[in-house]
Amino acid sequence: MPKIPVGLELVKRGVLTDTEVKKALEYQVLHPGMRLVDIIEKLELTDRKLLLEETGKIFGAEGIDIKPEDITVTLTEYYPLDIAKITKAIPFAVSNGRLRVAFSRPNDEESMKKIKLLALRKRSNIRTILYIWK
């Protein structure tokens, strides 16, 4: 998990400028329910692929853009739909015996614990993936 704010970390990594982070933070004041990463994507302040890759690295997860053809499992095969909505975590594939789960909030440790426990019931380990809600 990042030890400094995500915006500062993105500046440090050369993904954004201080001005772009300030613009995103100003937008966040007007839209307090939105995550900074979602705002950066919405305002198109940087390349989406680069944003996913770098925020994934910040949170210790793989950042990818999931396409419909990447989804090879049924959500409810692993846990109920209401849990997916609450945790904002979607199982989308199994690879080498590991369930790949896309988390919108990879720093939400409580949601991560819930999903891991549910996956263990199916004898699956989890590979954490970061994604941005559209």
N, C-alpha and C. Protein backbone atom coordinates (compact mmCIF):
# COMPACT_ATOMS: atom_id res chain seq x y z
N MET A 1 0.83 -1.17 0.00
CA MET A 1 0.00 0.00 0.00
C MET A 1 0.89 1.25 0.00
N PRO A 2 0.42 2.30 -0.66
CA PRO A 2 1.25 3.50 -0.73
C PRO A 2 1.39 4.16 0.63
N LYS A 3 2.60 4.65 0.88
CA LYS A 3 2.86 5.34 2.13
C LYS A 3 2.66 6.85 1.97
N ILE A 4 2.59 7.29 0.71
CA ILE A 4 2.30 8.69 0.43
C ILE A 4 1.04 8.73 -0.44
N PRO A 5 0.37 9.88 -0.51
CA PRO A 5 -0.85 9.96 -1.33
C PRO A 5 -0.60 9.54 -2.79
N VAL A 6 -1.61 8.92 -3.36
CA VAL A 6 -1.51 8.40 -4.73
C VAL A 6 -1.11 9.50 -5.71
N GLY A 7 -1.72 10.68 -5.57
CA GLY A 7 -1.39 11.78 -6.48
C GLY A 7 0.08 12.14 -6.45
N LEU A 8 0.65 12.23 -5.27
CA LEU A 8 2.08 12.55 -5.14
C LEU A 8 2.94 11.43 -5.71
N GLU A 9 2.51 10.20 -5.49
CA GLU A 9 3.25 9.05 -6.02
C GLU A 9 3.23 9.06 -7.55
N LEU A 10 2.11 9.44 -8.15
CA LEU A 10 2.02 9.52 -9.61
C LEU A 10 2.90 10.64 -10.16
N VAL A 11 3.02 11.73 -9.43
CA VAL A 11 3.93 12.81 -9.83
C VAL A 11 5.37 12.32 -9.75
N LYS A 12 5.69 11.67 -8.64
CA LYS A 12 7.04 11.14 -8.42
C LYS A 12 7.44 10.19 -9.54
N ARG A 13 6.47 9.42 -10.04
CA ARG A 13 6.74 8.45 -11.10
C ARG A 13 6.69 9.06 -12.51
N GLY A 14 6.38 10.36 -12.60
CA GLY A 14 6.35 11.03 -13.89
C GLY A 14 5.08 10.80 -14.70
N VAL A 15 4.04 10.28 -14.05
CA VAL A 15 2.78 10.01 -14.73
C VAL A 15 1.96 11.29 -14.86
N LEU A 16 2.01 12.14 -13.83
CA LEU A 16 1.27 13.41 -13.81
C LEU A 16 2.19 14.54 -13.36
N THR A 17 1.74 15.75 -13.64
CA THR A 17 2.43 16.93 -13.12
C THR A 17 1.72 17.40 -11.86
N ASP A 18 2.36 18.27 -11.10
CA ASP A 18 1.72 18.85 -9.91
C ASP A 18 0.42 19.55 -10.29
N THR A 19 0.43 20.25 -11.43
CA THR A 19 -0.75 20.98 -11.89
C THR A 19 -1.91 20.03 -12.19
N GLU A 20 -1.60 18.89 -12.80
CA GLU A 20 -2.64 17.91 -13.12
C GLU A 20 -3.24 17.29 -11.85
N VAL A 21 -2.39 17.03 -10.87
CA VAL A 21 -2.89 16.49 -9.60
C VAL A 21 -3.77 17.53 -8.91
N LYS A 22 -3.35 18.79 -8.95
CA LYS A 22 -4.15 19.87 -8.35
C LYS A 22 -5.52 19.95 -9.02
N LYS A 23 -5.54 19.84 -10.34
CA LYS A 23 -6.80 19.87 -11.09
C LYS A 23 -7.71 18.71 -10.66
N ALA A 24 -7.13 17.52 -10.51
CA ALA A 24 -7.90 16.34 -10.09
C ALA A 24 -8.43 16.52 -8.67
N LEU A 25 -7.60 17.07 -7.79
CA LEU A 25 -8.02 17.29 -6.40
C LEU A 25 -9.14 18.33 -6.31
N GLU A 26 -9.07 19.37 -7.15
CA GLU A 26 -10.14 20.37 -7.19
C GLU A 26 -11.45 19.72 -7.65
N TYR A 27 -11.37 18.84 -8.62
CA TYR A 27 -12.55 18.11 -9.10
C TYR A 27 -13.11 17.23 -7.99
N GLN A 28 -12.21 16.63 -7.22
CA GLN A 28 -12.62 15.73 -6.14
C GLN A 28 -13.39 16.48 -5.04
N VAL A 29 -13.05 17.75 -4.82
CA VAL A 29 -13.78 18.56 -3.84
C VAL A 29 -15.24 18.68 -4.26
N LEU A 30 -15.49 18.82 -5.55
CA LEU A 30 -16.84 18.93 -6.07
C LEU A 30 -17.54 17.58 -6.20
N HIS A 31 -16.76 16.50 -6.20
CA HIS A 31 -17.29 15.13 -6.35
C HIS A 31 -16.62 14.26 -5.28
N PRO A 32 -16.97 14.47 -4.01
CA PRO A 32 -16.27 13.80 -2.92
C PRO A 32 -16.38 12.27 -2.89
N GLY A 33 -17.33 11.70 -3.58
CA GLY A 33 -17.46 10.24 -3.60
C GLY A 33 -16.54 9.55 -4.59
N MET A 34 -15.85 10.31 -5.42
CA MET A 34 -14.99 9.71 -6.45
C MET A 34 -13.56 9.54 -5.96
N ARG A 35 -12.96 8.43 -6.36
CA ARG A 35 -11.54 8.20 -6.06
C ARG A 35 -10.69 9.04 -7.00
N LEU A 36 -9.53 9.43 -6.53
CA LEU A 36 -8.64 10.27 -7.33
C LEU A 36 -8.27 9.60 -8.65
N VAL A 37 -8.00 8.30 -8.62
CA VAL A 37 -7.62 7.59 -9.85
C VAL A 37 -8.75 7.63 -10.88
N ASP A 38 -9.99 7.50 -10.42
CA ASP A 38 -11.14 7.57 -11.33
C ASP A 38 -11.26 8.97 -11.93
N ILE A 39 -10.98 9.97 -11.13
CA ILE A 39 -11.05 11.36 -11.61
C ILE A 39 -9.97 11.61 -12.66
N ILE A 40 -8.77 11.13 -12.40
CA ILE A 40 -7.67 11.30 -13.35
C ILE A 40 -8.04 10.67 -14.69
N GLU A 41 -8.67 9.50 -14.63
CA GLU A 41 -9.09 8.83 -15.86
C GLU A 41 -10.21 9.60 -16.54
N LYS A 42 -11.18 10.06 -15.77
CA LYS A 42 -12.33 10.81 -16.31
C LYS A 42 -11.88 12.10 -17.00
N LEU A 43 -10.94 12.80 -16.36
CA LEU A 43 -10.45 14.06 -16.92
C LEU A 43 -9.40 13.85 -18.01
N GLU A 44 -9.06 12.58 -18.26
CA GLU A 44 -8.07 12.22 -19.29
C GLU A 44 -6.77 12.98 -19.10
N LEU A 45 -6.28 12.97 -17.86
CA LEU A 45 -5.04 13.69 -17.54
C LEU A 45 -3.79 12.92 -17.95
N THR A 46 -3.94 11.63 -18.19
CA THR A 46 -2.82 10.81 -18.65
C THR A 46 -3.37 9.62 -19.41
N ASP A 47 -2.50 8.87 -20.01
CA ASP A 47 -2.89 7.68 -20.75
C ASP A 47 -3.49 6.64 -19.80
N ARG A 48 -4.63 6.07 -20.16
CA ARG A 48 -5.33 5.11 -19.31
C ARG A 48 -4.45 3.90 -18.98
N LYS A 49 -3.78 3.36 -19.99
CA LYS A 49 -2.94 2.18 -19.78
C LYS A 49 -1.80 2.50 -18.80
N LEU A 50 -1.17 3.63 -18.97
CA LEU A 50 -0.09 4.04 -18.07
C LEU A 50 -0.63 4.23 -16.65
N LEU A 51 -1.79 4.85 -16.53
CA LEU A 51 -2.41 5.07 -15.22
C LEU A 51 -2.68 3.73 -14.52
N LEU A 52 -3.24 2.77 -15.24
CA LEU A 52 -3.51 1.45 -14.68
C LEU A 52 -2.22 0.75 -14.25
N GLU A 53 -1.22 0.79 -15.11
CA GLU A 53 0.05 0.13 -14.80
C GLU A 53 0.70 0.72 -13.56
N GLU A 54 0.78 2.03 -13.51
CA GLU A 54 1.47 2.69 -12.40
C GLU A 54 0.69 2.61 -11.09
N THR A 55 -0.63 2.77 -11.13
CA THR A 55 -1.39 2.64 -9.89
C THR A 55 -1.37 1.19 -9.41
N GLY A 56 -1.33 0.26 -10.34
CA GLY A 56 -1.18 -1.14 -9.96
C GLY A 56 0.12 -1.36 -9.21
N LYS A 57 1.21 -0.79 -9.71
CA LYS A 57 2.50 -0.91 -9.03
C LYS A 57 2.46 -0.26 -7.65
N ILE A 58 1.80 0.88 -7.55
CA ILE A 58 1.69 1.57 -6.26
C ILE A 58 1.00 0.68 -5.24
N PHE A 59 -0.05 -0.01 -5.65
CA PHE A 59 -0.83 -0.83 -4.74
C PHE A 59 -0.37 -2.29 -4.69
N GLY A 60 0.70 -2.61 -5.41
CA GLY A 60 1.21 -3.98 -5.39
C GLY A 60 0.30 -4.96 -6.11
N ALA A 61 -0.33 -4.49 -7.17
CA ALA A 61 -1.24 -5.33 -7.95
C ALA A 61 -0.95 -5.12 -9.42
N GLU A 62 -1.46 -6.01 -10.24
CA GLU A 62 -1.33 -5.84 -11.68
C GLU A 62 -2.45 -4.91 -12.14
N GLY A 63 -2.11 -3.86 -12.84
CA GLY A 63 -3.11 -2.94 -13.36
C GLY A 63 -3.42 -3.27 -14.81
N ILE A 64 -4.64 -3.67 -15.09
CA ILE A 64 -5.00 -4.02 -16.47
C ILE A 64 -6.36 -3.44 -16.82
N ASP A 65 -6.61 -3.36 -18.11
CA ASP A 65 -7.90 -2.92 -18.62
C ASP A 65 -8.64 -4.19 -19.06
N ILE A 66 -9.64 -4.59 -18.30
CA ILE A 66 -10.34 -5.84 -18.57
C ILE A 66 -11.37 -5.63 -19.68
N LYS A 67 -11.28 -6.49 -20.67
CA LYS A 67 -12.23 -6.46 -21.79
C LYS A 67 -13.21 -7.62 -21.62
N PRO A 68 -14.37 -7.54 -22.25
CA PRO A 68 -15.37 -8.62 -22.10
C PRO A 68 -14.81 -10.01 -22.39
N GLU A 69 -13.93 -10.12 -23.37
CA GLU A 69 -13.37 -11.44 -23.71
C GLU A 69 -12.41 -11.98 -22.64
N ASP A 70 -11.97 -11.10 -21.72
CA ASP A 70 -11.10 -11.55 -20.62
C ASP A 70 -11.89 -12.24 -19.52
N ILE A 71 -13.20 -12.05 -19.50
CA ILE A 71 -14.04 -12.62 -18.44
C ILE A 71 -14.43 -14.04 -18.83
N THR A 72 -13.85 -15.00 -18.09
CA THR A 72 -14.05 -16.41 -18.43
C THR A 72 -14.70 -17.21 -17.30
N VAL A 73 -15.10 -16.53 -16.22
CA VAL A 73 -15.80 -17.21 -15.13
C VAL A 73 -17.11 -16.47 -14.86
N THR A 74 -18.02 -17.17 -14.23
CA THR A 74 -19.28 -16.56 -13.82
C THR A 74 -19.09 -15.98 -12.43
N LEU A 75 -19.46 -14.74 -12.27
CA LEU A 75 -19.27 -14.04 -11.00
C LEU A 75 -19.82 -14.84 -9.83
N THR A 76 -21.04 -15.29 -9.94
CA THR A 76 -21.71 -15.94 -8.82
C THR A 76 -21.18 -17.35 -8.55
N GLU A 77 -20.26 -17.81 -9.37
CA GLU A 77 -19.62 -19.11 -9.13
C GLU A 77 -18.73 -19.03 -7.89
N TYR A 78 -18.25 -17.86 -7.56
CA TYR A 78 -17.32 -17.69 -6.45
C TYR A 78 -17.91 -16.98 -5.24
N TYR A 79 -18.80 -16.03 -5.47
CA TYR A 79 -19.49 -15.35 -4.37
C TYR A 79 -20.70 -14.60 -4.90
N PRO A 80 -21.62 -14.25 -3.98
CA PRO A 80 -22.87 -13.59 -4.39
C PRO A 80 -22.65 -12.20 -5.00
N LEU A 81 -23.59 -11.81 -5.84
CA LEU A 81 -23.52 -10.52 -6.51
C LEU A 81 -23.47 -9.35 -5.53
N ASP A 82 -24.20 -9.44 -4.43
CA ASP A 82 -24.19 -8.34 -3.46
C ASP A 82 -22.80 -8.13 -2.86
N ILE A 83 -22.04 -9.21 -2.68
CA ILE A 83 -20.66 -9.09 -2.18
C ILE A 83 -19.79 -8.38 -3.22
N ALA A 84 -19.98 -8.69 -4.48
CA ALA A 84 -19.22 -8.03 -5.55
C ALA A 84 -19.50 -6.54 -5.56
N LYS A 85 -20.76 -6.17 -5.36
CA LYS A 85 -21.13 -4.75 -5.35
C LYS A 85 -20.52 -4.03 -4.15
N ILE A 86 -20.59 -4.67 -2.99
CA ILE A 86 -20.06 -4.06 -1.77
C ILE A 86 -18.54 -3.90 -1.84
N THR A 87 -17.87 -4.95 -2.27
CA THR A 87 -16.41 -4.94 -2.28
C THR A 87 -15.82 -4.32 -3.55
N LYS A 88 -16.66 -4.13 -4.57
CA LYS A 88 -16.20 -3.67 -5.87
C LYS A 88 -15.06 -4.55 -6.39
N ALA A 89 -15.29 -5.86 -6.28
CA ALA A 89 -14.31 -6.86 -6.69
C ALA A 89 -15.00 -7.89 -7.57
N ILE A 90 -14.43 -8.12 -8.74
CA ILE A 90 -15.07 -9.01 -9.72
C ILE A 90 -14.10 -10.12 -10.12
N PRO A 91 -14.49 -11.38 -9.87
CA PRO A 91 -13.66 -12.48 -10.38
C PRO A 91 -13.86 -12.54 -11.90
N PHE A 92 -12.75 -12.68 -12.64
CA PHE A 92 -12.94 -12.68 -14.09
C PHE A 92 -12.23 -13.81 -14.82
N ALA A 93 -11.32 -14.51 -14.15
CA ALA A 93 -10.62 -15.61 -14.83
C ALA A 93 -9.92 -16.49 -13.80
N VAL A 94 -9.57 -17.69 -14.23
CA VAL A 94 -8.72 -18.57 -13.42
C VAL A 94 -7.50 -18.85 -14.28
N SER A 95 -6.33 -18.66 -13.68
CA SER A 95 -5.08 -18.86 -14.40
C SER A 95 -4.12 -19.62 -13.48
N ASN A 96 -3.63 -20.76 -13.94
CA ASN A 96 -2.72 -21.59 -13.15
C ASN A 96 -3.27 -21.88 -11.76
N GLY A 97 -4.56 -22.15 -11.69
CA GLY A 97 -5.19 -22.47 -10.42
C GLY A 97 -5.46 -21.29 -9.51
N ARG A 98 -5.19 -20.10 -9.98
CA ARG A 98 -5.42 -18.90 -9.18
C ARG A 98 -6.57 -18.10 -9.76
N LEU A 99 -7.48 -17.72 -8.89
CA LEU A 99 -8.61 -16.89 -9.30
C LEU A 99 -8.11 -15.47 -9.49
N ARG A 100 -8.36 -14.90 -10.65
CA ARG A 100 -7.98 -13.51 -10.90
C ARG A 100 -9.18 -12.65 -10.56
N VAL A 101 -8.99 -11.73 -9.64
CA VAL A 101 -10.05 -10.86 -9.17
C VAL A 101 -9.65 -9.41 -9.41
N ALA A 102 -10.54 -8.67 -10.05
CA ALA A 102 -10.30 -7.25 -10.30
C ALA A 102 -10.90 -6.45 -9.14
N PHE A 103 -10.06 -5.69 -8.47
CA PHE A 103 -10.48 -4.84 -7.36
C PHE A 103 -10.41 -3.39 -7.79
N SER A 104 -11.48 -2.65 -7.58
CA SER A 104 -11.45 -1.23 -7.84
C SER A 104 -10.69 -0.50 -6.72
N ARG A 105 -10.75 -1.09 -5.52
CA ARG A 105 -10.08 -0.47 -4.36
C ARG A 105 -9.13 -1.48 -3.73
N PRO A 106 -7.95 -1.67 -4.31
CA PRO A 106 -7.03 -2.68 -3.79
C PRO A 106 -6.46 -2.35 -2.41
N ASN A 107 -6.66 -1.15 -1.95
CA ASN A 107 -6.18 -0.78 -0.60
C ASN A 107 -7.26 -0.98 0.46
N ASP A 108 -8.42 -1.50 0.06
CA ASP A 108 -9.50 -1.79 1.00
C ASP A 108 -9.26 -3.19 1.57
N GLU A 109 -8.52 -3.23 2.68
CA GLU A 109 -8.11 -4.51 3.25
C GLU A 109 -9.29 -5.36 3.71
N GLU A 110 -10.34 -4.74 4.20
CA GLU A 110 -11.51 -5.49 4.66
C GLU A 110 -12.17 -6.23 3.50
N SER A 111 -12.34 -5.55 2.37
CA SER A 111 -12.91 -6.20 1.19
C SER A 111 -12.01 -7.32 0.69
N MET A 112 -10.72 -7.06 0.71
CA MET A 112 -9.75 -8.06 0.27
C MET A 112 -9.86 -9.33 1.13
N LYS A 113 -10.00 -9.16 2.44
CA LYS A 113 -10.13 -10.32 3.33
C LYS A 113 -11.40 -11.11 3.02
N LYS A 114 -12.51 -10.40 2.81
CA LYS A 114 -13.78 -11.08 2.50
C LYS A 114 -13.66 -11.93 1.25
N ILE A 115 -13.09 -11.34 0.22
CA ILE A 115 -12.98 -12.05 -1.07
C ILE A 115 -12.04 -13.24 -0.94
N LYS A 116 -10.94 -13.07 -0.23
CA LYS A 116 -10.00 -14.19 -0.06
C LYS A 116 -10.66 -15.35 0.69
N LEU A 117 -11.43 -15.03 1.72
CA LEU A 117 -12.12 -16.09 2.46
C LEU A 117 -13.14 -16.82 1.57
N LEU A 118 -13.87 -16.08 0.78
CA LEU A 118 -14.84 -16.70 -0.12
C LEU A 118 -14.16 -17.55 -1.18
N ALA A 119 -13.02 -17.08 -1.68
CA ALA A 119 -12.29 -17.84 -2.70
C ALA A 119 -11.72 -19.12 -2.11
N LEU A 120 -11.29 -19.07 -0.86
CA LEU A 120 -10.75 -20.27 -0.21
C LEU A 120 -11.80 -21.37 -0.11
N ARG A 121 -13.07 -20.98 0.04
CA ARG A 121 -14.14 -21.98 0.07
C ARG A 121 -14.17 -22.78 -1.22
N LYS A 122 -13.74 -22.17 -2.31
CA LYS A 122 -13.70 -22.84 -3.61
C LYS A 122 -12.30 -23.40 -3.90
N ARG A 123 -11.46 -23.38 -2.86
CA ARG A 123 -10.07 -23.84 -2.97
C ARG A 123 -9.30 -23.08 -4.05
N SER A 124 -9.49 -21.77 -4.06
CA SER A 124 -8.80 -20.92 -5.02
C SER A 124 -7.94 -19.90 -4.27
N ASN A 125 -6.76 -19.67 -4.78
CA ASN A 125 -5.96 -18.55 -4.32
C ASN A 125 -6.33 -17.36 -5.19
N ILE A 126 -6.01 -16.16 -4.71
CA ILE A 126 -6.39 -14.97 -5.45
C ILE A 126 -5.17 -14.25 -5.99
N ARG A 127 -5.30 -13.76 -7.19
CA ARG A 127 -4.32 -12.86 -7.76
C ARG A 127 -5.02 -11.51 -7.87
N THR A 128 -4.49 -10.51 -7.20
CA THR A 128 -5.12 -9.20 -7.15
C THR A 128 -4.82 -8.40 -8.42
N ILE A 129 -5.86 -7.84 -8.97
CA ILE A 129 -5.77 -7.02 -10.17
C ILE A 129 -6.43 -5.68 -9.85
N LEU A 130 -5.86 -4.60 -10.32
CA LEU A 130 -6.44 -3.27 -10.13
C LEU A 130 -7.15 -2.86 -11.41
N TYR A 131 -8.30 -2.25 -11.28
CA TYR A 131 -8.96 -1.70 -12.44
C TYR A 131 -9.68 -0.42 -12.05
N ILE A 132 -10.10 0.32 -13.05
CA ILE A 132 -10.80 1.58 -12.85
C ILE A 132 -12.24 1.39 -13.29
N TRP A 133 -13.19 1.74 -12.42
CA TRP A 133 -14.61 1.63 -12.79
C TRP A 133 -14.90 2.61 -13.92
N LYS A 134 -15.68 2.18 -14.88
CA LYS A 134 -16.12 3.07 -15.95
C LYS A 134 -17.54 3.46 -15.72
